[in-house]
Protein backbone atom coordinates (compact mmCIF):
# COMPACT_ATOMS: atom_id res chain seq x y z
CA UNK A 1 38.28 13.11 -2.03
CA UNK A 2 40.36 10.75 0.12
CA UNK A 3 43.12 8.72 -1.48
CA UNK A 4 45.10 5.69 -0.35
CA UNK A 5 48.89 5.67 -0.66
CA UNK A 6 50.52 2.24 -0.77
CA UNK A 7 54.20 1.29 -0.67
CA UNK A 8 54.01 -2.17 -2.18
CA UNK A 9 56.16 -5.23 -2.48
CA UNK A 10 55.95 -6.62 1.06
CA UNK A 11 54.25 -9.95 1.83
CA UNK A 12 51.23 -9.68 4.12
CA UNK A 13 51.61 -11.53 7.40
CA UNK A 14 49.61 -11.89 10.60
CA UNK A 15 46.11 -12.51 11.91
CA UNK A 16 42.96 -10.51 11.15
CA UNK A 17 39.36 -10.72 12.38
CA UNK A 18 36.77 -10.36 9.61
CA UNK A 19 34.01 -7.87 10.33
CA UNK A 20 30.28 -8.35 9.81
CA UNK A 21 28.72 -8.63 6.37
CA UNK A 22 27.47 -5.42 4.83
CA UNK A 23 25.17 -7.31 2.47
CA UNK A 24 23.57 -9.08 5.43
CA UNK A 25 23.39 -6.08 7.77
CA UNK A 26 21.60 -3.78 5.29
CA UNK A 27 18.48 -5.94 4.72
CA UNK A 28 18.45 -6.83 8.44
CA UNK A 29 18.39 -3.13 9.34
CA UNK A 30 15.49 -2.68 6.94
CA UNK A 31 13.67 -5.76 8.27
CA UNK A 32 13.84 -4.39 11.83
CA UNK A 33 11.13 -1.90 10.80
CA UNK A 34 8.63 -4.77 10.76
CA UNK A 35 8.64 -4.98 14.56
CA UNK A 36 8.10 -2.08 16.95
CA UNK A 37 10.57 -1.89 19.82
CA UNK A 38 14.30 -1.78 20.52
CA UNK A 39 16.56 -4.02 18.43
CA UNK A 40 20.17 -4.79 19.33
CA UNK A 41 22.20 -5.83 16.28
CA UNK A 42 25.78 -7.00 16.79
CA UNK A 43 28.72 -7.37 14.37
CA UNK A 44 27.48 -4.47 12.22
CA UNK A 45 30.49 -2.85 10.50
CA UNK A 46 31.02 0.91 10.36
CA UNK A 47 30.74 1.44 6.62
CA UNK A 48 29.53 4.30 4.45
CA UNK A 49 26.54 2.24 3.24
CA UNK A 50 25.59 1.30 6.81
CA UNK A 51 25.72 4.93 7.92
CA UNK A 52 23.61 5.94 4.90
CA UNK A 53 20.99 3.35 5.85
CA UNK A 54 20.99 4.58 9.46
CA UNK A 55 20.59 8.15 8.19
CA UNK A 56 17.57 7.06 6.17
CA UNK A 57 16.07 5.27 9.17
CA UNK A 58 16.64 8.41 11.23
CA UNK A 59 14.81 10.52 8.66
CA UNK A 60 11.93 8.02 8.86
CA UNK A 61 11.70 8.65 12.60
CA UNK A 62 13.75 5.80 14.09
CA UNK A 63 16.32 6.42 16.81
CA UNK A 64 19.56 4.53 16.18
CA UNK A 65 23.00 4.51 17.81
CA UNK A 66 26.01 2.74 16.24
CA UNK A 67 28.73 2.15 18.85
CA UNK A 68 31.68 -0.13 18.12
CA UNK A 69 29.98 -2.91 16.10
CA UNK A 70 26.55 -2.73 17.75
CA UNK A 71 23.50 -0.89 16.46
CA UNK A 72 20.79 -0.19 19.01
CA UNK A 73 17.64 0.95 17.23
CA UNK A 74 14.20 1.96 18.46
CA UNK A 75 11.65 1.43 15.67
CA UNK A 76 8.63 2.37 17.77
CA UNK A 77 9.09 6.03 16.77
CA UNK A 78 8.91 5.27 13.02
CA UNK A 79 6.69 8.04 11.64
CA UNK A 80 6.71 8.00 7.84
CA UNK A 81 7.02 5.63 4.91
CA UNK A 82 8.30 8.28 2.47
CA UNK A 83 12.00 7.55 1.86
CA UNK A 84 14.03 10.72 1.07
CA UNK A 85 15.10 10.92 -2.56
CA UNK A 86 18.53 12.42 -1.80
CA UNK A 87 19.50 9.48 0.43
CA UNK A 88 18.02 6.83 -1.87
CA UNK A 89 20.24 8.03 -4.68
CA UNK A 90 23.33 7.42 -2.54
CA UNK A 91 22.83 3.68 -2.12
CA UNK A 92 21.08 0.95 -4.06
CA UNK A 93 20.36 -1.09 -0.93
CA UNK A 94 17.81 1.53 0.15
CA UNK A 95 15.42 -0.47 -2.07
CA UNK A 96 15.19 -2.97 0.82
CA UNK A 97 12.92 -0.53 2.65
CA UNK A 98 10.04 -1.10 0.23
CA UNK A 99 8.82 -4.41 1.61
CA UNK A 100 9.02 -3.62 5.35
CA UNK A 101 7.46 -0.15 5.04
CA UNK A 102 4.68 -1.41 2.82
CA UNK A 103 3.90 -4.20 5.30
CA UNK A 104 3.90 -1.85 8.28
CA UNK A 105 2.17 1.25 6.88
CA UNK A 106 0.22 -0.14 3.95
CA UNK A 107 2.03 2.32 1.69
CA UNK A 108 5.53 3.40 0.77
CA UNK A 109 7.08 6.02 -1.51
CA UNK A 110 10.62 5.54 -2.80
CA UNK A 111 12.77 6.68 -5.72
CA UNK A 112 15.03 4.86 -8.13
CA UNK A 113 18.08 3.90 -6.03
CA UNK A 114 21.68 4.83 -6.72
CA UNK A 115 24.93 2.98 -5.94
CA UNK A 116 27.99 1.72 -7.81
CA UNK A 117 28.09 2.23 -11.58
CA UNK A 118 28.72 -1.42 -12.48
CA UNK A 119 25.90 -1.86 -14.96
CA UNK A 120 22.14 -1.89 -15.16
CA UNK A 121 20.40 -3.33 -12.11
CA UNK A 122 16.66 -3.16 -12.61
CA UNK A 123 14.16 -3.38 -9.76
CA UNK A 124 11.44 -4.97 -11.90
CA UNK A 125 11.55 -8.25 -9.96
CA UNK A 126 11.06 -6.38 -6.67
CA UNK A 127 7.97 -4.63 -8.03
CA UNK A 128 6.53 -7.74 -9.66
CA UNK A 129 6.86 -9.66 -6.41
CA UNK A 130 5.10 -6.94 -4.40
CA UNK A 131 2.32 -6.76 -6.99
CA UNK A 132 1.72 -10.49 -6.60
CA UNK A 133 1.37 -9.90 -2.86
CA UNK A 134 -1.41 -7.41 -3.57
CA UNK A 135 0.37 -4.06 -3.86
CA UNK A 136 -0.77 -1.37 -6.27
CA UNK A 137 2.23 0.41 -7.78
CA UNK A 138 2.50 3.74 -9.59
CA UNK A 139 5.71 4.96 -11.22
CA UNK A 140 6.34 8.52 -12.39
CA UNK A 141 9.60 10.37 -13.09
CA UNK A 142 11.69 8.04 -10.91
CA UNK A 143 9.16 8.12 -8.04
CA UNK A 144 7.57 4.79 -7.05
CA UNK A 145 4.45 4.69 -4.87
CA UNK A 146 3.09 1.40 -3.48
CA UNK A 147 -0.19 0.89 -1.62
CA UNK A 148 -1.93 -2.12 -0.13
CA UNK A 149 -4.12 -3.20 2.73
CA UNK A 150 -2.78 -6.27 4.45
CA UNK A 151 -0.65 -8.11 1.90
CA UNK A 152 -1.77 -11.60 0.88
CA UNK A 153 0.43 -14.64 0.37
CA UNK A 154 1.12 -15.76 -3.18
CA UNK A 155 3.20 -18.14 -5.29
CA UNK A 156 6.00 -16.07 -6.81
CA UNK A 157 8.55 -17.25 -9.37
CA UNK A 158 11.69 -15.23 -10.04
CA UNK A 159 13.00 -15.47 -13.60
CA UNK A 160 16.46 -14.58 -12.24
CA UNK A 161 17.73 -15.36 -8.70
CA UNK A 162 17.90 -11.71 -7.63
CA UNK A 163 19.22 -11.35 -4.08
CA UNK A 164 17.48 -8.03 -3.49
CA UNK A 165 14.13 -9.15 -4.88
CA UNK A 166 14.24 -12.38 -2.87
CA UNK A 167 14.92 -10.44 0.33
CA UNK A 168 12.34 -7.72 -0.32
CA UNK A 169 9.62 -10.31 -0.98
CA UNK A 170 10.61 -12.27 2.15
CA UNK A 171 10.27 -9.15 4.31
CA UNK A 172 6.97 -8.08 2.76
CA UNK A 173 5.50 -11.58 3.04
CA UNK A 174 6.56 -12.15 6.66
CA UNK A 175 3.34 -10.50 7.92
CA UNK A 176 1.14 -11.16 4.90
CA UNK A 177 -2.09 -13.10 5.21
CA UNK A 178 -1.47 -16.73 4.24
CA UNK A 179 1.55 -18.46 2.76
CA UNK A 180 4.02 -17.18 0.17
CA UNK A 181 6.31 -19.42 -1.85
CA UNK A 182 9.28 -17.96 -3.73
CA UNK A 183 10.63 -20.30 -6.41
CA UNK A 184 13.77 -19.45 -8.33
CA UNK A 185 14.99 -17.68 -5.18
CA UNK A 186 18.57 -16.53 -4.70
CA UNK A 187 20.60 -18.79 -2.39
CA UNK A 188 23.24 -16.45 -0.92
CA UNK A 189 24.31 -16.79 2.75
CA UNK A 190 23.00 -13.27 3.37
CA UNK A 191 19.49 -14.52 2.52
CA UNK A 192 19.89 -17.28 5.08
CA UNK A 193 20.95 -14.66 7.62
CA UNK A 194 17.87 -12.56 6.87
CA UNK A 195 15.66 -15.63 7.33
CA UNK A 196 17.30 -16.33 10.69
CA UNK A 197 16.79 -12.71 11.80
CA UNK A 198 13.14 -12.66 10.75
CA UNK A 199 12.54 -15.96 12.51
CA UNK A 200 14.20 -14.54 15.63
CA UNK A 201 11.50 -11.83 15.50
CA UNK A 202 8.78 -14.47 15.29
CA UNK A 203 8.44 -15.04 11.53
CA UNK A 204 7.86 -18.52 10.09
CA UNK A 205 10.21 -18.94 7.12
CA UNK A 206 11.98 -22.02 5.79
CA UNK A 207 14.08 -22.80 2.73
CA UNK A 208 16.61 -19.95 2.59
CA UNK A 209 19.78 -21.31 1.00
CA UNK A 210 17.73 -23.31 -1.52
CA UNK A 211 15.88 -22.09 -4.60
CA UNK A 212 12.48 -22.39 -2.88
CA UNK A 213 11.56 -20.32 0.19
CA UNK A 214 8.27 -20.66 2.04
CA UNK A 215 6.96 -17.84 4.23
CA UNK A 216 3.94 -18.41 6.46
CA UNK A 217 2.63 -14.95 7.36
CA UNK A 218 2.16 -14.03 11.03
CA UNK A 219 0.10 -11.32 12.72
CA UNK A 220 2.94 -9.67 14.60
CA UNK A 221 6.71 -9.59 14.87
CA UNK A 222 8.83 -8.63 17.89
CA UNK A 223 12.11 -6.78 18.41
CA UNK A 224 15.13 -8.94 19.16
CA UNK A 225 18.89 -9.21 19.63
CA UNK A 226 20.88 -10.67 16.73
CA UNK A 227 24.46 -11.08 15.43
CA UNK A 228 25.23 -10.57 11.73
CA UNK A 229 27.32 -13.17 9.85
CA UNK A 230 30.94 -12.38 8.84
CA UNK A 231 31.54 -10.71 5.50
CA UNK A 232 32.57 -13.33 2.94
CA UNK A 233 33.64 -10.69 0.38
CA UNK A 234 35.95 -8.94 2.85
CA UNK A 235 37.36 -12.34 3.83
CA UNK A 236 37.85 -13.22 0.16
CA UNK A 237 39.56 -9.89 -0.51
CA UNK A 238 42.06 -10.52 2.31
CA UNK A 239 42.69 -14.09 1.12
CA UNK A 240 43.44 -12.90 -2.41
CA UNK A 241 45.67 -10.09 -1.11
CA UNK A 242 47.66 -12.59 0.95
CA UNK A 243 48.19 -14.74 -2.14
CA UNK A 244 49.01 -11.81 -4.46
CA UNK A 245 51.70 -10.51 -2.08
CA UNK A 246 53.05 -14.04 -1.53
CA UNK A 247 52.31 -13.76 2.16
CA UNK A 248 50.84 -15.85 4.95
CA UNK A 249 47.69 -14.67 6.72
CA UNK A 250 45.27 -16.14 9.26
CA UNK A 251 41.64 -15.01 9.14
CA UNK A 252 39.40 -15.46 12.17
CA UNK A 253 35.61 -15.13 12.56
CA UNK A 254 34.97 -16.52 9.07
CA UNK A 255 32.74 -19.12 7.47
CA UNK A 256 34.70 -21.19 4.97
CA UNK A 257 31.49 -22.76 3.69
CA UNK A 258 30.51 -19.36 2.29
CA UNK A 259 33.83 -19.18 0.41
CA UNK A 260 34.01 -22.63 -1.19
CA UNK A 261 34.10 -21.37 -4.79
CA UNK A 262 36.96 -18.95 -4.03
CA UNK A 263 38.89 -21.57 -2.05
CA UNK A 264 38.58 -23.92 -5.04
CA UNK A 265 39.96 -21.26 -7.43
CA UNK A 266 42.82 -20.30 -5.10
CA UNK A 267 43.88 -23.90 -4.66
CA UNK A 268 43.88 -24.33 -8.44
CA UNK A 269 46.23 -21.33 -8.52
CA UNK A 270 48.61 -23.09 -6.14
CA UNK A 271 47.66 -21.18 -2.99
CA UNK A 272 47.86 -23.18 0.26
CA UNK A 273 44.65 -22.99 2.34
CA UNK A 274 43.76 -24.75 5.56
CA UNK A 275 40.47 -24.46 7.43
CA UNK A 276 39.64 -25.18 11.08
CA UNK A 277 36.26 -24.14 12.45
CA UNK A 278 35.99 -20.34 11.84
CA UNK A 279 39.71 -19.93 11.05
CA UNK A 280 41.24 -19.88 7.56
CA UNK A 281 45.01 -19.89 6.91
CA UNK A 282 46.23 -18.66 3.52
CA UNK A 283 49.80 -18.75 2.23
CA UNK A 284 51.49 -18.48 -1.15
CA UNK A 285 55.26 -18.77 -1.14
CA UNK A 286 55.87 -18.74 -4.90
CA UNK A 287 54.37 -17.38 -8.08
CA UNK A 288 50.72 -18.44 -8.45
CA UNK A 289 49.57 -20.58 -11.38
CA UNK A 290 47.14 -19.38 -14.03
CA UNK A 291 43.55 -20.61 -13.83
CA UNK A 292 42.24 -21.58 -17.24
CA UNK A 293 38.68 -20.32 -16.82
CA UNK A 294 36.54 -18.64 -14.14
CA UNK A 295 32.87 -17.80 -14.69
CA UNK A 296 31.01 -15.53 -12.31
CA UNK A 297 27.45 -16.52 -11.50
CA UNK A 298 24.99 -16.34 -8.60
CA UNK A 299 25.84 -18.22 -5.40
CA UNK A 300 27.14 -20.86 -4.89
CA UNK A 301 29.18 -20.21 -8.05
CA UNK A 302 32.10 -17.77 -8.15
CA UNK A 303 30.90 -14.34 -6.92
CA UNK A 304 31.00 -11.29 -9.14
CA UNK A 305 32.02 -9.29 -6.05
CA UNK A 306 35.40 -11.09 -6.03
CA UNK A 307 36.00 -11.07 -9.78
CA UNK A 308 38.09 -7.89 -9.93
CA UNK A 309 40.19 -8.93 -6.92
CA UNK A 310 41.03 -12.39 -8.26
CA UNK A 311 41.93 -10.80 -11.61
CA UNK A 312 44.79 -9.02 -9.81
CA UNK A 313 46.13 -12.36 -8.58
CA UNK A 314 45.87 -13.89 -12.05
CA UNK A 315 47.64 -10.88 -13.58
CA UNK A 316 50.69 -12.01 -11.59
CA UNK A 317 50.25 -15.72 -12.30
CA UNK A 318 52.38 -17.96 -14.49
CA UNK A 319 50.34 -18.47 -17.65
CA UNK A 320 47.12 -17.37 -19.33
CA UNK A 321 43.73 -17.09 -17.60
CA UNK A 322 40.21 -16.19 -18.73
CA UNK A 323 37.43 -14.69 -16.64
CA UNK A 324 33.86 -14.54 -17.92
CA UNK A 325 31.57 -12.03 -16.16
CA UNK A 326 27.90 -13.02 -16.42
CA UNK A 327 26.30 -10.87 -13.69
CA UNK A 328 27.17 -7.19 -14.32
CA UNK A 329 28.28 -5.78 -17.66
CA UNK A 330 30.21 -2.91 -16.03
CA UNK A 331 32.59 -4.97 -13.93
CA UNK A 332 35.76 -4.51 -16.02
CA UNK A 333 36.39 -0.82 -15.33
CA UNK A 334 39.42 -1.69 -13.23
CA UNK A 335 41.20 -3.26 -16.23
CA UNK A 336 42.32 0.08 -17.70
CA UNK A 337 43.63 1.18 -14.31
CA UNK A 338 45.55 -2.07 -13.86
CA UNK A 339 47.14 -1.56 -17.28
CA UNK A 340 48.76 1.58 -15.82
CA UNK A 341 50.47 -0.74 -13.37
CA UNK A 342 51.80 -3.09 -16.04
CA UNK A 343 49.08 -5.74 -16.17
CA UNK A 344 48.55 -7.51 -19.49
CA UNK A 345 44.75 -7.81 -19.74
CA UNK A 346 42.43 -7.47 -22.71
CA UNK A 347 38.64 -7.64 -22.76
CA UNK A 348 36.01 -8.70 -25.27
CA UNK A 349 32.44 -7.99 -24.21
CA UNK A 350 32.06 -9.99 -20.99
CA UNK A 351 35.39 -11.82 -21.06
CA UNK A 352 38.80 -10.79 -19.76
CA UNK A 353 41.98 -12.43 -21.07
CA UNK A 354 44.84 -12.24 -18.58
CA UNK A 355 48.44 -12.98 -19.44
CA UNK A 356 50.41 -13.08 -16.20
CA UNK A 357 53.39 -10.74 -15.78
CA UNK A 358 56.35 -11.05 -13.42
CA UNK A 359 55.44 -7.93 -11.45
CA UNK A 360 53.22 -4.89 -11.28
CA UNK A 361 54.50 -1.35 -10.79
CA UNK A 362 53.13 1.46 -8.65
CA UNK A 363 51.02 4.11 -10.37
CA UNK A 364 48.25 6.60 -9.68
CA UNK A 365 44.91 4.90 -10.34
CA UNK A 366 41.24 5.63 -9.69
CA UNK A 367 38.66 3.50 -7.91
CA UNK A 368 35.53 3.59 -10.07
CA UNK A 369 33.42 1.41 -7.77
CA UNK A 370 33.63 -0.55 -4.53
CA UNK A 371 35.12 -3.85 -5.69
CA UNK A 372 37.31 -2.30 -8.40
CA UNK A 373 38.77 -0.10 -5.69
CA UNK A 374 39.52 -3.11 -3.50
CA UNK A 375 41.24 -4.79 -6.46
CA UNK A 376 43.46 -1.75 -7.02
CA UNK A 377 44.45 -1.79 -3.36
CA UNK A 378 45.52 -5.44 -3.74
CA UNK A 379 47.44 -4.51 -6.88
CA UNK A 380 49.18 -1.71 -4.98
CA UNK A 381 50.10 -4.04 -2.12
CA UNK A 382 51.67 -6.49 -4.59
CA UNK A 383 53.32 -3.90 -6.85
CA UNK A 384 56.84 -2.58 -6.80
CA UNK A 385 56.92 1.09 -5.81
CA UNK A 386 54.23 3.56 -4.75
CA UNK A 387 50.58 3.29 -5.75
CA UNK A 388 48.00 6.02 -5.15
CA UNK A 389 44.34 4.90 -5.26
CA UNK A 390 42.11 7.93 -5.75
CA UNK A 391 38.34 8.15 -5.00
CA UNK A 392 38.76 5.94 -1.94
CA UNK A 393 35.22 6.78 -0.77
CA UNK A 394 33.97 4.01 -3.08
CA UNK A 395 35.98 1.46 -1.08
CA UNK A 396 34.59 2.78 2.21
CA UNK A 397 31.16 1.54 1.14
CA UNK A 398 32.17 -2.05 1.83
CA UNK A 399 35.37 -2.14 3.94
CA UNK A 400 35.62 -0.83 7.51
CA UNK A 401 38.89 1.12 7.23
CA UNK A 402 40.63 -0.93 4.55
CA UNK A 403 43.94 0.80 5.26
CA UNK A 404 43.72 -0.13 8.97
CA UNK A 405 42.84 -3.71 8.06
CA UNK A 406 45.94 -4.15 5.92
CA UNK A 407 48.17 -2.19 8.31
CA UNK A 408 47.46 -4.93 10.87
CA UNK A 409 48.98 -7.37 8.37
CA UNK A 410 52.14 -5.33 7.92
CA UNK A 411 51.16 -3.36 4.81
CA UNK A 412 52.55 0.12 4.27
CA UNK A 413 49.30 1.84 3.42
CA UNK A 414 47.89 5.16 4.59
CA UNK A 415 44.95 7.44 3.88
CA UNK A 416 45.45 11.00 2.69
CA UNK A 417 42.58 13.40 3.36
CA UNK A 418 42.57 16.57 1.23
CA UNK A 419 43.03 19.81 3.13
CA UNK A 420 40.27 22.32 2.30
CA UNK A 421 41.42 25.37 0.42
CA UNK A 422 40.23 28.94 1.07
CA UNK A 423 37.37 28.56 -1.42
CA UNK A 424 36.16 25.33 0.25
CA UNK A 425 36.22 26.96 3.70
CA UNK A 426 34.28 29.94 2.42
CA UNK A 427 31.45 27.66 1.32
């Protein structure tokens, strides 16, 4: 497996353009199946998860080309609604295919999805929503089969604001007969982007960004050209890295409104941030201050996807900080790895207690999931000495060449690809 080698201790400096949002592009790619024709999707990053989704779409019969940051996809050749089990187990976001395939074919077969091991993430809300739209669902040994004639609009309440369930129901209901109302909906910017894409295809959806979304079903949708929003988690990762290395970085092609909770936390930590249109400047010339308490929660609260990264910053802060994780129970796996680098962090159930230290030290650590891996890269950039982050493939799921991104900001970071031995070549 690839590893990242980082010579730390240098402040980040320079300007970086933030690539498109993975968590917006994936449901948009799935939603494109609702309309036959050629779609042109811009600002789509080249990530492992994106390529996995395109592989799945190819196995379903679609023709797709990903050049630079543009995906050109012909969905008129879609030939099956049976999603391959081997590819579903590689990525949780493959669950997004349920709604569009069910709406287009009247049936879909999927399997329990895979993805990062950050805790239990049930798909019950997805299935309950589709049932309320008229789907009949059978589950057996990890295989899920859904059938329906034309779906019918319904009033659906989500007990938890699940992003995936909200998006799957939106896609399924876009061509249902009648009107669907989702109350208790998730409010993330990526849901607003999906609404905008569906409406660009001819859907009639309002309310994304609030807790109530209304979908008036239409008879037909049409292929279109669309640009995906910038990735707020990648932007947040770079902002935190700039602060942790006591650097000064300018981010372009961003949306500061999507990052308000992080900006609030960073300013509390003494980080200087200025915003002008789609440009964010971040600088931190001295040691950051501790932040008494951070609680992760669904948008617009502090995102769980930036919890591990901001913990690195707080591990270097002056004072004592507490982070409470309320979304995923498996989001503290990076703590043990950071301890190898000299961090003083203890955990109790869903809380992390961080006593800031003067510096971190390079060590060999392992990325256990996407965001934990990004946090360890930040720690390596800020640390004294050499850090080796193993299992870098986890990071590739959400960052388009993270080593290239930070190299542009002056970081000494490189990727080491293992050379196959004689046994590997023989097989």
